[in-house]
């Protein structure tokens, strides 16, 4: 199993329940594909370095997980088509 770090930015026009629902959805995708979430960190609203889709702020979430490369591929595919996500990146952590 490999270590991965996922950072994604959600739209800030979502209410608290919708934001939690998206975070739970992402966490569920990771766990349902046989990976293990080791750390989940919610940074909250932050100002973006540059405007994305006419938005100046985003809700940052960082998830560290252990899993196979197929999990990262599936997660990348789903996050690309999720409307609430402005940007995401999945990075493999090498020890």
PDB file of N, CA and C in Angstrom:
ATOM      1  N   UNK A   1       0.836  -1.191   0.000  1.00  0.00           N
ATOM      2  CA  UNK A   1       0.000   0.000   0.000  1.00  0.00           C
ATOM      3  C   UNK A   1       0.874   1.245   0.000  1.00  0.00           C
ATOM      4  N   UNK A   2       0.399   2.244  -0.679  1.00  0.00           N
ATOM      5  CA  UNK A   2       1.132   3.512  -0.768  1.00  0.00           C
ATOM      6  C   UNK A   2       0.435   4.590   0.040  1.00  0.00           C
ATOM      7  N   UNK A   3       1.205   5.589   0.440  1.00  0.00           N
ATOM      8  CA  UNK A   3       0.673   6.740   1.169  1.00  0.00           C
ATOM      9  C   UNK A   3       0.316   7.830   0.164  1.00  0.00           C
ATOM     10  N   UNK A   4      -0.860   8.404   0.310  1.00  0.00           N
ATOM     11  CA  UNK A   4      -1.295   9.498  -0.559  1.00  0.00           C
ATOM     12  C   UNK A   4      -1.802  10.665   0.279  1.00  0.00           C
ATOM     13  N   UNK A   5      -1.714  11.854  -0.311  1.00  0.00           N
ATOM     14  CA  UNK A   5      -2.306  13.043   0.288  1.00  0.00           C
ATOM     15  C   UNK A   5      -3.226  13.673  -0.752  1.00  0.00           C
ATOM     16  N   UNK A   6      -4.468  13.898  -0.353  1.00  0.00           N
ATOM     17  CA  UNK A   6      -5.462  14.524  -1.216  1.00  0.00           C
ATOM     18  C   UNK A   6      -5.801  15.888  -0.646  1.00  0.00           C
ATOM     19  N   UNK A   7      -5.703  16.913  -1.484  1.00  0.00           N
ATOM     20  CA  UNK A   7      -6.137  18.253  -1.102  1.00  0.00           C
ATOM     21  C   UNK A   7      -7.220  18.648  -2.098  1.00  0.00           C
ATOM     22  N   UNK A   8      -8.377  19.057  -1.566  1.00  0.00           N
ATOM     23  CA  UNK A   8      -9.418  19.547  -2.466  1.00  0.00           C
ATOM     24  C   UNK A   8     -10.060  20.797  -1.889  1.00  0.00           C
ATOM     25  N   UNK A   9     -10.551  21.634  -2.795  1.00  0.00           N
ATOM     26  CA  UNK A   9     -11.151  22.911  -2.438  1.00  0.00           C
ATOM     27  C   UNK A   9     -12.609  22.877  -2.859  1.00  0.00           C
ATOM     28  N   UNK A  10     -13.492  23.126  -1.900  1.00  0.00           N
ATOM     29  CA  UNK A  10     -14.928  23.148  -2.161  1.00  0.00           C
ATOM     30  C   UNK A  10     -15.419  24.575  -2.347  1.00  0.00           C
ATOM     31  N   UNK A  11     -16.526  24.720  -3.036  1.00  0.00           N
ATOM     32  CA  UNK A  11     -17.166  26.025  -3.186  1.00  0.00           C
ATOM     33  C   UNK A  11     -17.662  26.490  -1.821  1.00  0.00           C
ATOM     34  N   UNK A  12     -17.600  27.789  -1.565  1.00  0.00           N
ATOM     35  CA  UNK A  12     -18.007  28.315  -0.264  1.00  0.00           C
ATOM     36  C   UNK A  12     -19.492  28.649  -0.199  1.00  0.00           C
ATOM     37  N   UNK A  13     -20.206  28.566  -1.313  1.00  0.00           N
ATOM     38  CA  UNK A  13     -21.636  28.867  -1.274  1.00  0.00           C
ATOM     39  C   UNK A  13     -22.468  27.696  -0.754  1.00  0.00           C
ATOM     40  N   UNK A  14     -21.817  26.596  -0.374  1.00  0.00           N
ATOM     41  CA  UNK A  14     -22.515  25.441   0.193  1.00  0.00           C
ATOM     42  C   UNK A  14     -22.781  25.679   1.673  1.00  0.00           C
ATOM     43  N   UNK A  15     -23.916  25.165   2.163  1.00  0.00           N
ATOM     44  CA  UNK A  15     -24.147  25.261   3.604  1.00  0.00           C
ATOM     45  C   UNK A  15     -23.326  24.182   4.314  1.00  0.00           C
ATOM     46  N   UNK A  16     -23.344  24.215   5.634  1.00  0.00           N
ATOM     47  CA  UNK A  16     -22.490  23.314   6.424  1.00  0.00           C
ATOM     48  C   UNK A  16     -22.821  21.846   6.173  1.00  0.00           C
ATOM     49  N   UNK A  17     -24.100  21.527   6.043  1.00  0.00           N
ATOM     50  CA  UNK A  17     -24.515  20.140   5.803  1.00  0.00           C
ATOM     51  C   UNK A  17     -24.030  19.640   4.444  1.00  0.00           C
ATOM     52  N   UNK A  18     -24.129  20.476   3.423  1.00  0.00           N
ATOM     53  CA  UNK A  18     -23.690  20.082   2.084  1.00  0.00           C
ATOM     54  C   UNK A  18     -22.179  19.895   2.044  1.00  0.00           C
ATOM     55  N   UNK A  19     -21.449  20.753   2.750  1.00  0.00           N
ATOM     56  CA  UNK A  19     -19.994  20.628   2.816  1.00  0.00           C
ATOM     57  C   UNK A  19     -19.608  19.317   3.488  1.00  0.00           C
ATOM     58  N   UNK A  20     -20.243  19.010   4.608  1.00  0.00           N
ATOM     59  CA  UNK A  20     -19.970  17.748   5.312  1.00  0.00           C
ATOM     60  C   UNK A  20     -20.352  16.546   4.461  1.00  0.00           C
ATOM     61  N   UNK A  21     -21.426  16.668   3.688  1.00  0.00           N
ATOM     62  CA  UNK A  21     -21.866  15.572   2.823  1.00  0.00           C
ATOM     63  C   UNK A  21     -20.818  15.262   1.754  1.00  0.00           C
ATOM     64  N   UNK A  22     -20.226  16.293   1.175  1.00  0.00           N
ATOM     65  CA  UNK A  22     -19.195  16.083   0.148  1.00  0.00           C
ATOM     66  C   UNK A  22     -17.953  15.457   0.779  1.00  0.00           C
ATOM     67  N   UNK A  23     -17.559  15.938   1.958  1.00  0.00           N
ATOM     68  CA  UNK A  23     -16.388  15.372   2.646  1.00  0.00           C
ATOM     69  C   UNK A  23     -16.639  13.904   2.981  1.00  0.00           C
ATOM     70  N   UNK A  24     -17.842  13.579   3.474  1.00  0.00           N
ATOM     71  CA  UNK A  24     -18.182  12.190   3.785  1.00  0.00           C
ATOM     72  C   UNK A  24     -18.213  11.330   2.532  1.00  0.00           C
ATOM     73  N   UNK A  25     -18.670  11.909   1.417  1.00  0.00           N
ATOM     74  CA  UNK A  25     -18.694  11.180   0.144  1.00  0.00           C
ATOM     75  C   UNK A  25     -17.280  10.808  -0.292  1.00  0.00           C
ATOM     76  N   UNK A  26     -16.362  11.760  -0.202  1.00  0.00           N
ATOM     77  CA  UNK A  26     -14.974  11.511  -0.596  1.00  0.00           C
ATOM     78  C   UNK A  26     -14.349  10.465   0.327  1.00  0.00           C
ATOM     79  N   UNK A  27     -14.581  10.616   1.622  1.00  0.00           N
ATOM     80  CA  UNK A  27     -14.056   9.642   2.588  1.00  0.00           C
ATOM     81  C   UNK A  27     -14.635   8.257   2.320  1.00  0.00           C
ATOM     82  N   UNK A  28     -15.917   8.186   1.985  1.00  0.00           N
ATOM     83  CA  UNK A  28     -16.559   6.914   1.668  1.00  0.00           C
ATOM     84  C   UNK A  28     -15.987   6.257   0.429  1.00  0.00           C
ATOM     85  N   UNK A  29     -15.684   7.056  -0.581  1.00  0.00           N
ATOM     86  CA  UNK A  29     -15.082   6.523  -1.812  1.00  0.00           C
ATOM     87  C   UNK A  29     -13.739   5.884  -1.492  1.00  0.00           C
ATOM     88  N   UNK A  30     -12.950   6.558  -0.668  1.00  0.00           N
ATOM     89  CA  UNK A  30     -11.632   6.034  -0.291  1.00  0.00           C
ATOM     90  C   UNK A  30     -11.794   4.705   0.443  1.00  0.00           C
ATOM     91  N   UNK A  31     -12.667   4.677   1.450  1.00  0.00           N
ATOM     92  CA  UNK A  31     -12.825   3.476   2.277  1.00  0.00           C
ATOM     93  C   UNK A  31     -13.512   2.334   1.530  1.00  0.00           C
ATOM     94  N   UNK A  32     -14.441   2.634   0.640  1.00  0.00           N
ATOM     95  CA  UNK A  32     -15.141   1.583  -0.109  1.00  0.00           C
ATOM     96  C   UNK A  32     -14.251   0.912  -1.151  1.00  0.00           C
ATOM     97  N   UNK A  33     -13.159   1.545  -1.516  1.00  0.00           N
ATOM     98  CA  UNK A  33     -12.220   0.966  -2.473  1.00  0.00           C
ATOM     99  C   UNK A  33     -11.051   0.274  -1.792  1.00  0.00           C
ATOM    100  N   UNK A  34     -11.170   0.018  -0.501  1.00  0.00           N
ATOM    101  CA  UNK A  34     -10.159  -0.766   0.207  1.00  0.00           C
ATOM    102  C   UNK A  34      -8.998   0.029   0.759  1.00  0.00           C
ATOM    103  N   UNK A  35      -9.100   1.345   0.802  1.00  0.00           N
ATOM    104  CA  UNK A  35      -8.028   2.172   1.353  1.00  0.00           C
ATOM    105  C   UNK A  35      -8.383   2.590   2.782  1.00  0.00           C
ATOM    106  N   UNK A  36      -7.406   3.125   3.496  1.00  0.00           N
ATOM    107  CA  UNK A  36      -7.595   3.523   4.888  1.00  0.00           C
ATOM    108  C   UNK A  36      -7.269   5.004   5.046  1.00  0.00           C
ATOM    109  N   UNK A  37      -8.212   5.771   5.573  1.00  0.00           N
ATOM    110  CA  UNK A  37      -7.989   7.194   5.852  1.00  0.00           C
ATOM    111  C   UNK A  37      -7.178   7.292   7.140  1.00  0.00           C
ATOM    112  N   UNK A  38      -5.994   7.914   7.062  1.00  0.00           N
ATOM    113  CA  UNK A  38      -5.150   8.040   8.247  1.00  0.00           C
ATOM    114  C   UNK A  38      -5.290   9.397   8.920  1.00  0.00           C
ATOM    115  N   UNK A  39      -5.675  10.427   8.148  1.00  0.00           N
ATOM    116  CA  UNK A  39      -5.832  11.755   8.725  1.00  0.00           C
ATOM    117  C   UNK A  39      -6.778  12.572   7.859  1.00  0.00           C
ATOM    118  N   UNK A  40      -7.678  13.310   8.512  1.00  0.00           N
ATOM    119  CA  UNK A  40      -8.588  14.202   7.808  1.00  0.00           C
ATOM    120  C   UNK A  40      -8.492  15.556   8.496  1.00  0.00           C
ATOM    121  N   UNK A  41      -8.117  16.570   7.742  1.00  0.00           N
ATOM    122  CA  UNK A  41      -7.913  17.906   8.297  1.00  0.00           C
ATOM    123  C   UNK A  41      -8.733  18.916   7.506  1.00  0.00           C
ATOM    124  N   UNK A  42      -9.632  19.616   8.201  1.00  0.00           N
ATOM    125  CA  UNK A  42     -10.469  20.640   7.564  1.00  0.00           C
ATOM    126  C   UNK A  42      -9.868  22.007   7.888  1.00  0.00           C
ATOM    127  N   UNK A  43      -9.333  22.668   6.871  1.00  0.00           N
ATOM    128  CA  UNK A  43      -8.746  23.997   7.062  1.00  0.00           C
ATOM    129  C   UNK A  43      -9.803  25.082   7.094  1.00  0.00           C
ATOM    130  N   UNK A  44     -10.925  24.850   6.469  1.00  0.00           N
ATOM    131  CA  UNK A  44     -11.988  25.851   6.435  1.00  0.00           C
ATOM    132  C   UNK A  44     -11.821  26.819   5.277  1.00  0.00           C
ATOM    133  N   UNK A  45     -12.518  27.962   5.385  1.00  0.00           N
ATOM    134  CA  UNK A  45     -12.494  28.961   4.311  1.00  0.00           C
ATOM    135  C   UNK A  45     -11.152  29.672   4.270  1.00  0.00           C
ATOM    136  N   UNK A  46     -10.613  29.766   3.089  1.00  0.00           N
ATOM    137  CA  UNK A  46      -9.367  30.492   2.845  1.00  0.00           C
ATOM    138  C   UNK A  46      -9.501  31.260   1.538  1.00  0.00           C
ATOM    139  N   UNK A  47      -8.764  32.328   1.454  1.00  0.00           N
ATOM    140  CA  UNK A  47      -8.721  33.102   0.216  1.00  0.00           C
ATOM    141  C   UNK A  47      -7.841  32.355  -0.789  1.00  0.00           C
ATOM    142  N   UNK A  48      -8.310  32.274  -2.024  1.00  0.00           N
ATOM    143  CA  UNK A  48      -7.561  31.603  -3.082  1.00  0.00           C
ATOM    144  C   UNK A  48      -6.446  32.503  -3.597  1.00  0.00           C
ATOM    145  N   UNK A  49      -5.393  31.906  -4.087  1.00  0.00           N
ATOM    146  CA  UNK A  49      -4.277  32.670  -4.639  1.00  0.00           C
ATOM    147  C   UNK A  49      -4.700  33.398  -5.920  1.00  0.00           C
ATOM    148  N   UNK A  50      -5.617  32.804  -6.650  1.00  0.00           N
ATOM    149  CA  UNK A  50      -6.157  33.421  -7.862  1.00  0.00           C
ATOM    150  C   UNK A  50      -7.610  32.982  -8.022  1.00  0.00           C
ATOM    151  N   UNK A  51      -8.348  33.712  -8.797  1.00  0.00           N
ATOM    152  CA  UNK A  51      -9.770  33.445  -8.986  1.00  0.00           C
ATOM    153  C   UNK A  51      -9.978  32.156  -9.782  1.00  0.00           C
ATOM    154  N   UNK A  52     -10.857  31.287  -9.277  1.00  0.00           N
ATOM    155  CA  UNK A  52     -11.217  30.047  -9.956  1.00  0.00           C
ATOM    156  C   UNK A  52     -12.722  30.056 -10.171  1.00  0.00           C
ATOM    157  N   UNK A  53     -13.161  30.000 -11.421  1.00  0.00           N
ATOM    158  CA  UNK A  53     -14.586  29.994 -11.766  1.00  0.00           C
ATOM    159  C   UNK A  53     -15.321  31.145 -11.081  1.00  0.00           C
ATOM    160  N   UNK A  54     -14.751  32.328 -11.151  1.00  0.00           N
ATOM    161  CA  UNK A  54     -15.316  33.561 -10.587  1.00  0.00           C
ATOM    162  C   UNK A  54     -15.480  33.494  -9.071  1.00  0.00           C
ATOM    163  N   UNK A  55     -14.639  32.724  -8.402  1.00  0.00           N
ATOM    164  CA  UNK A  55     -14.690  32.562  -6.951  1.00  0.00           C
ATOM    165  C   UNK A  55     -13.362  32.979  -6.344  1.00  0.00           C
ATOM    166  N   UNK A  56     -13.413  33.740  -5.258  1.00  0.00           N
ATOM    167  CA  UNK A  56     -12.201  34.217  -4.590  1.00  0.00           C
ATOM    168  C   UNK A  56     -11.861  33.440  -3.328  1.00  0.00           C
ATOM    169  N   UNK A  57     -12.826  32.664  -2.770  1.00  0.00           N
ATOM    170  CA  UNK A  57     -12.590  31.892  -1.559  1.00  0.00           C
ATOM    171  C   UNK A  57     -12.959  30.435  -1.784  1.00  0.00           C
ATOM    172  N   UNK A  58     -12.344  29.545  -0.996  1.00  0.00           N
ATOM    173  CA  UNK A  58     -12.659  28.135  -1.070  1.00  0.00           C
ATOM    174  C   UNK A  58     -12.537  27.486   0.294  1.00  0.00           C
ATOM    175  N   UNK A  59     -13.178  26.329   0.460  1.00  0.00           N
ATOM    176  CA  UNK A  59     -13.123  25.570   1.701  1.00  0.00           C
ATOM    177  C   UNK A  59     -12.128  24.431   1.484  1.00  0.00           C
ATOM    178  N   UNK A  60     -10.990  24.490   2.184  1.00  0.00           N
ATOM    179  CA  UNK A  60      -9.899  23.538   1.990  1.00  0.00           C
ATOM    180  C   UNK A  60     -10.054  22.316   2.887  1.00  0.00           C
ATOM    181  N   UNK A  61      -9.814  21.136   2.313  1.00  0.00           N
ATOM    182  CA  UNK A  61      -9.830  19.879   3.061  1.00  0.00           C
ATOM    183  C   UNK A  61      -8.622  19.053   2.624  1.00  0.00           C
ATOM    184  N   UNK A  62      -7.928  18.459   3.619  1.00  0.00           N
ATOM    185  CA  UNK A  62      -6.775  17.599   3.343  1.00  0.00           C
ATOM    186  C   UNK A  62      -7.055  16.222   3.933  1.00  0.00           C
ATOM    187  N   UNK A  63      -6.872  15.188   3.119  1.00  0.00           N
ATOM    188  CA  UNK A  63      -7.060  13.816   3.573  1.00  0.00           C
ATOM    189  C   UNK A  63      -5.800  13.021   3.240  1.00  0.00           C
ATOM    190  N   UNK A  64      -5.210  12.386   4.243  1.00  0.00           N
ATOM    191  CA  UNK A  64      -4.103  11.444   4.045  1.00  0.00           C
ATOM    192  C   UNK A  64      -4.682  10.041   4.095  1.00  0.00           C
ATOM    193  N   UNK A  65      -4.270   9.191   3.151  1.00  0.00           N
ATOM    194  CA  UNK A  65      -4.786   7.826   3.145  1.00  0.00           C
ATOM    195  C   UNK A  65      -3.752   6.856   2.598  1.00  0.00           C
ATOM    196  N   UNK A  66      -3.928   5.563   2.956  1.00  0.00           N
ATOM    197  CA  UNK A  66      -3.098   4.480   2.454  1.00  0.00           C
ATOM    198  C   UNK A  66      -3.957   3.644   1.524  1.00  0.00           C
ATOM    199  N   UNK A  67      -3.414   3.339   0.344  1.00  0.00           N
ATOM    200  CA  UNK A  67      -4.193   2.539  -0.588  1.00  0.00           C
ATOM    201  C   UNK A  67      -3.409   2.176  -1.830  1.00  0.00           C
ATOM    202  N   UNK A  68      -4.065   1.465  -2.709  1.00  0.00           N
ATOM    203  CA  UNK A  68      -3.482   1.059  -3.981  1.00  0.00           C
ATOM    204  C   UNK A  68      -3.636   2.197  -5.002  1.00  0.00           C
ATOM    205  N   UNK A  69      -2.808   2.187  -6.053  1.00  0.00           N
ATOM    206  CA  UNK A  69      -2.915   3.241  -7.081  1.00  0.00           C
ATOM    207  C   UNK A  69      -4.290   3.329  -7.741  1.00  0.00           C
ATOM    208  N   UNK A  70      -5.011   2.226  -7.813  1.00  0.00           N
ATOM    209  CA  UNK A  70      -6.346   2.240  -8.426  1.00  0.00           C
ATOM    210  C   UNK A  70      -7.309   3.123  -7.633  1.00  0.00           C
ATOM    211  N   UNK A  71      -7.132   3.193  -6.314  1.00  0.00           N
ATOM    212  CA  UNK A  71      -7.988   4.037  -5.476  1.00  0.00           C
ATOM    213  C   UNK A  71      -7.776   5.504  -5.842  1.00  0.00           C
ATOM    214  N   UNK A  72      -6.518   5.908  -6.000  1.00  0.00           N
ATOM    215  CA  UNK A  72      -6.211   7.296  -6.365  1.00  0.00           C
ATOM    216  C   UNK A  72      -6.786   7.627  -7.742  1.00  0.00           C
ATOM    217  N   UNK A  73      -6.712   6.690  -8.667  1.00  0.00           N
ATOM    218  CA  UNK A  73      -7.265   6.909 -10.003  1.00  0.00           C
ATOM    219  C   UNK A  73      -8.774   7.080  -9.988  1.00  0.00           C
ATOM    220  N   UNK A  74      -9.454   6.233  -9.230  1.00  0.00           N
ATOM    221  CA  UNK A  74     -10.912   6.320  -9.130  1.00  0.00           C
ATOM    222  C   UNK A  74     -11.328   7.612  -8.436  1.00  0.00           C
ATOM    223  N   UNK A  75     -10.607   7.987  -7.385  1.00  0.00           N
ATOM    224  CA  UNK A  75     -10.899   9.217  -6.659  1.00  0.00           C
ATOM    225  C   UNK A  75     -10.711  10.433  -7.562  1.00  0.00           C
ATOM    226  N   UNK A  76      -9.650  10.437  -8.348  1.00  0.00           N
ATOM    227  CA  UNK A  76      -9.387  11.525  -9.289  1.00  0.00           C
ATOM    228  C   UNK A  76     -10.529  11.644 -10.299  1.00  0.00           C
ATOM    229  N   UNK A  77     -10.984  10.518 -10.815  1.00  0.00           N
ATOM    230  CA  UNK A  77     -12.069  10.508 -11.800  1.00  0.00           C
ATOM    231  C   UNK A  77     -13.350  11.102 -11.211  1.00  0.00           C
ATOM    232  N   UNK A  78     -13.683  10.711 -10.000  1.00  0.00           N
ATOM    233  CA  UNK A  78     -14.926  11.180  -9.379  1.00  0.00           C
ATOM    234  C   UNK A  78     -14.843  12.659  -9.009  1.00  0.00           C
ATOM    235  N   UNK A  79     -13.696  13.100  -8.488  1.00  0.00           N
ATOM    236  CA  UNK A  79     -13.561  14.506  -8.101  1.00  0.00           C
ATOM    237  C   UNK A  79     -13.618  15.436  -9.310  1.00  0.00           C
ATOM    238  N   UNK A  80     -13.190  14.960 -10.479  1.00  0.00           N
ATOM    239  CA  UNK A  80     -13.254  15.781 -11.690  1.00  0.00           C
ATOM    240  C   UNK A  80     -14.688  16.084 -12.101  1.00  0.00           C
ATOM    241  N   UNK A  81     -15.617  15.182 -11.786  1.00  0.00           N
ATOM    242  CA  UNK A  81     -16.995  15.380 -12.220  1.00  0.00           C
ATOM    243  C   UNK A  81     -17.909  15.854 -11.086  1.00  0.00           C
ATOM    244  N   UNK A  82     -17.361  16.095  -9.907  1.00  0.00           N
ATOM    245  CA  UNK A  82     -18.154  16.586  -8.781  1.00  0.00           C
ATOM    246  C   UNK A  82     -18.236  18.111  -8.865  1.00  0.00           C
ATOM    247  N   UNK A  83     -19.441  18.641  -8.973  1.00  0.00           N
ATOM    248  CA  UNK A  83     -19.650  20.080  -9.172  1.00  0.00           C
ATOM    249  C   UNK A  83     -19.206  20.933  -7.997  1.00  0.00           C
ATOM    250  N   UNK A  84     -19.288  20.408  -6.772  1.00  0.00           N
ATOM    251  CA  UNK A  84     -18.953  21.197  -5.590  1.00  0.00           C
ATOM    252  C   UNK A  84     -17.451  21.416  -5.424  1.00  0.00           C
ATOM    253  N   UNK A  85     -16.632  20.635  -6.113  1.00  0.00           N
ATOM    254  CA  UNK A  85     -15.170  20.714  -5.980  1.00  0.00           C
ATOM    255  C   UNK A  85     -14.615  21.695  -7.015  1.00  0.00           C
ATOM    256  N   UNK A  86     -13.901  22.721  -6.525  1.00  0.00           N
ATOM    257  CA  UNK A  86     -13.250  23.681  -7.433  1.00  0.00           C
ATOM    258  C   UNK A  86     -11.963  23.106  -8.003  1.00  0.00           C
ATOM    259  N   UNK A  87     -11.100  22.596  -7.134  1.00  0.00           N
ATOM    260  CA  UNK A  87      -9.808  22.025  -7.536  1.00  0.00           C
ATOM    261  C   UNK A  87      -9.471  20.879  -6.594  1.00  0.00           C
ATOM    262  N   UNK A  88      -8.636  19.951  -7.087  1.00  0.00           N
ATOM    263  CA  UNK A  88      -8.124  18.880  -6.237  1.00  0.00           C
ATOM    264  C   UNK A  88      -6.766  18.435  -6.759  1.00  0.00           C
ATOM    265  N   UNK A  89      -6.001  17.829  -5.873  1.00  0.00           N
ATOM    266  CA  UNK A  89      -4.722  17.237  -6.262  1.00  0.00           C
ATOM    267  C   UNK A  89      -4.456  16.047  -5.349  1.00  0.00           C
ATOM    268  N   UNK A  90      -3.971  14.971  -5.942  1.00  0.00           N
ATOM    269  CA  UNK A  90      -3.595  13.782  -5.192  1.00  0.00           C
ATOM    270  C   UNK A  90      -2.100  13.578  -5.380  1.00  0.00           C
ATOM    271  N   UNK A  91      -1.370  13.524  -4.260  1.00  0.00           N
ATOM    272  CA  UNK A  91       0.079  13.406  -4.305  1.00  0.00           C
ATOM    273  C   UNK A  91       0.487  12.145  -3.555  1.00  0.00           C
ATOM    274  N   UNK A  92       1.402  11.380  -4.128  1.00  0.00           N
ATOM    275  CA  UNK A  92       1.933  10.210  -3.432  1.00  0.00           C
ATOM    276  C   UNK A  92       3.053  10.638  -2.506  1.00  0.00           C
ATOM    277  N   UNK A  93       2.959  10.245  -1.250  1.00  0.00           N
ATOM    278  CA  UNK A  93       4.000  10.569  -0.270  1.00  0.00           C
ATOM    279  C   UNK A  93       5.034   9.461  -0.244  1.00  0.00           C
ATOM    280  N   UNK A  94       6.253   9.781  -0.608  1.00  0.00           N
ATOM    281  CA  UNK A  94       7.340   8.798  -0.529  1.00  0.00           C
ATOM    282  C   UNK A  94       8.080   8.989   0.779  1.00  0.00           C
ATOM    283  N   UNK A  95       8.354   7.895   1.440  1.00  0.00           N
ATOM    284  CA  UNK A  95       9.066   7.989   2.721  1.00  0.00           C
ATOM    285  C   UNK A  95      10.554   8.021   2.539  1.00  0.00           C
TER     286      UNK A  95
END
